[in-house]
Amino acid sequence: MFVVAVLVGIVVGAASFAPLIFGMNKARMASPTSNLGHAGSLLLGVLISLVILAVCVVACVMLARDFAVPFVLGAAGGLIVAAVVFGIRNNLRK
């Protein structure tokens, strides 16, 4: 059962990386006079990503407290792996 919690955590961590990609793409399209700006788009992506992680962790603690630690470790690992894969893929493309 711990393996399932870790796997679900990895999926949640990888899914929480999506707002960061969206924020980066939005920052690239921002004009110099836009209200949100470059940093605002990136920070909004980070905020949404952290909200997704926090909501999922709180839901896990409320529903299955015994599996909270493996879930959180899986979510953190999934987020880190998604970021590393994204960075390597972008560097290899250039």
Protein backbone atom coordinates (compact mmCIF):
# COMPACT_ATOMS: atom_id res chain seq x y z
CA MET A 1 0.00 0.00 0.00
CA PHE A 2 2.95 2.30 0.58
CA VAL A 3 3.98 1.80 -3.04
CA VAL A 4 0.57 3.03 -4.20
CA ALA A 5 0.90 6.14 -2.01
CA VAL A 6 4.35 6.85 -3.45
CA LEU A 7 3.12 6.35 -7.03
CA VAL A 8 0.13 8.64 -6.50
CA GLY A 9 2.49 11.19 -4.95
CA ILE A 10 4.77 11.01 -7.98
CA VAL A 11 1.81 11.63 -10.29
CA VAL A 12 0.66 14.59 -8.18
CA GLY A 13 4.19 16.02 -8.09
CA ALA A 14 4.57 15.76 -11.85
CA ALA A 15 1.11 17.28 -12.37
CA SER A 16 1.98 20.19 -10.09
CA PHE A 17 4.84 21.07 -12.45
CA ALA A 18 2.36 21.96 -15.22
CA PRO A 19 1.55 25.46 -13.85
CA LEU A 20 5.27 26.25 -13.84
CA ILE A 21 5.50 25.43 -17.54
CA PHE A 22 2.38 27.52 -18.19
CA GLY A 23 3.89 30.46 -16.26
CA MET A 24 7.12 30.21 -18.22
CA ASN A 25 5.31 30.19 -21.54
CA LYS A 26 3.16 33.14 -20.44
CA ALA A 27 6.29 35.05 -19.39
CA ARG A 28 7.86 34.51 -22.81
CA MET A 29 4.78 36.01 -24.49
CA ALA A 30 4.56 39.03 -22.16
CA SER A 31 5.13 42.40 -23.72
CA PRO A 32 7.25 44.98 -21.91
CA THR A 33 4.12 46.99 -21.09
CA SER A 34 1.93 44.12 -19.86
CA ASN A 35 0.37 44.41 -16.42
CA LEU A 36 1.35 40.95 -15.27
CA GLY A 37 4.89 41.11 -16.62
CA HIS A 38 7.54 38.44 -16.74
CA ALA A 39 8.08 37.92 -13.03
CA GLY A 40 4.36 38.05 -12.27
CA SER A 41 3.63 35.18 -14.63
CA LEU A 42 6.40 33.08 -13.17
CA LEU A 43 5.37 33.80 -9.59
CA LEU A 44 1.75 33.01 -10.40
CA GLY A 45 2.87 29.65 -11.79
CA VAL A 46 4.85 28.94 -8.61
CA LEU A 47 1.88 29.93 -6.44
CA ILE A 48 -0.55 27.69 -8.32
CA SER A 49 1.94 24.82 -8.19
CA LEU A 50 2.33 25.17 -4.43
CA VAL A 51 -1.43 25.40 -3.96
CA ILE A 52 -1.92 22.16 -5.90
CA LEU A 53 0.70 20.42 -3.77
CA ALA A 54 -0.69 21.80 -0.51
CA VAL A 55 -4.28 20.83 -1.30
CA CYS A 56 -3.25 17.30 -2.25
CA VAL A 57 -1.10 16.90 0.87
CA VAL A 58 -3.87 18.16 3.15
CA ALA A 59 -6.35 15.84 1.44
CA CYS A 60 -3.98 12.91 1.95
CA VAL A 61 -3.51 13.75 5.63
CA MET A 62 -7.26 14.06 6.13
CA LEU A 63 -8.15 10.87 4.24
CA ALA A 64 -5.22 8.53 4.92
CA ARG A 65 -2.91 9.80 7.65
CA ASP A 66 -0.88 6.57 7.65
CA PHE A 67 0.24 7.16 4.06
CA ALA A 68 1.01 10.88 4.34
CA VAL A 69 4.81 10.57 4.56
CA PRO A 70 5.24 8.28 1.53
CA PHE A 71 2.78 10.44 -0.42
CA VAL A 72 4.64 13.67 0.40
CA LEU A 73 8.02 12.13 -0.42
CA GLY A 74 6.63 10.82 -3.71
CA ALA A 75 5.12 14.22 -4.55
CA ALA A 76 8.38 16.02 -3.82
CA GLY A 77 10.31 13.46 -5.83
CA GLY A 78 7.86 13.69 -8.72
CA LEU A 79 8.15 17.47 -8.82
CA ILE A 80 11.95 17.32 -8.76
CA VAL A 81 12.12 14.63 -11.44
CA ALA A 82 9.68 16.56 -13.66
CA ALA A 83 11.82 19.70 -13.31
CA VAL A 84 15.04 17.82 -14.09
CA VAL A 85 13.54 16.08 -17.13
CA PHE A 86 12.14 19.40 -18.37
CA GLY A 87 15.52 21.11 -17.96
CA ILE A 88 17.46 18.34 -19.65
CA ARG A 89 14.96 18.17 -22.51
CA ASN A 90 15.19 21.92 -23.08
CA ASN A 91 18.99 21.90 -23.02
CA LEU A 92 19.20 19.00 -25.45
CA ARG A 93 16.79 20.73 -27.84
CA LYS A 94 19.04 23.79 -28.16
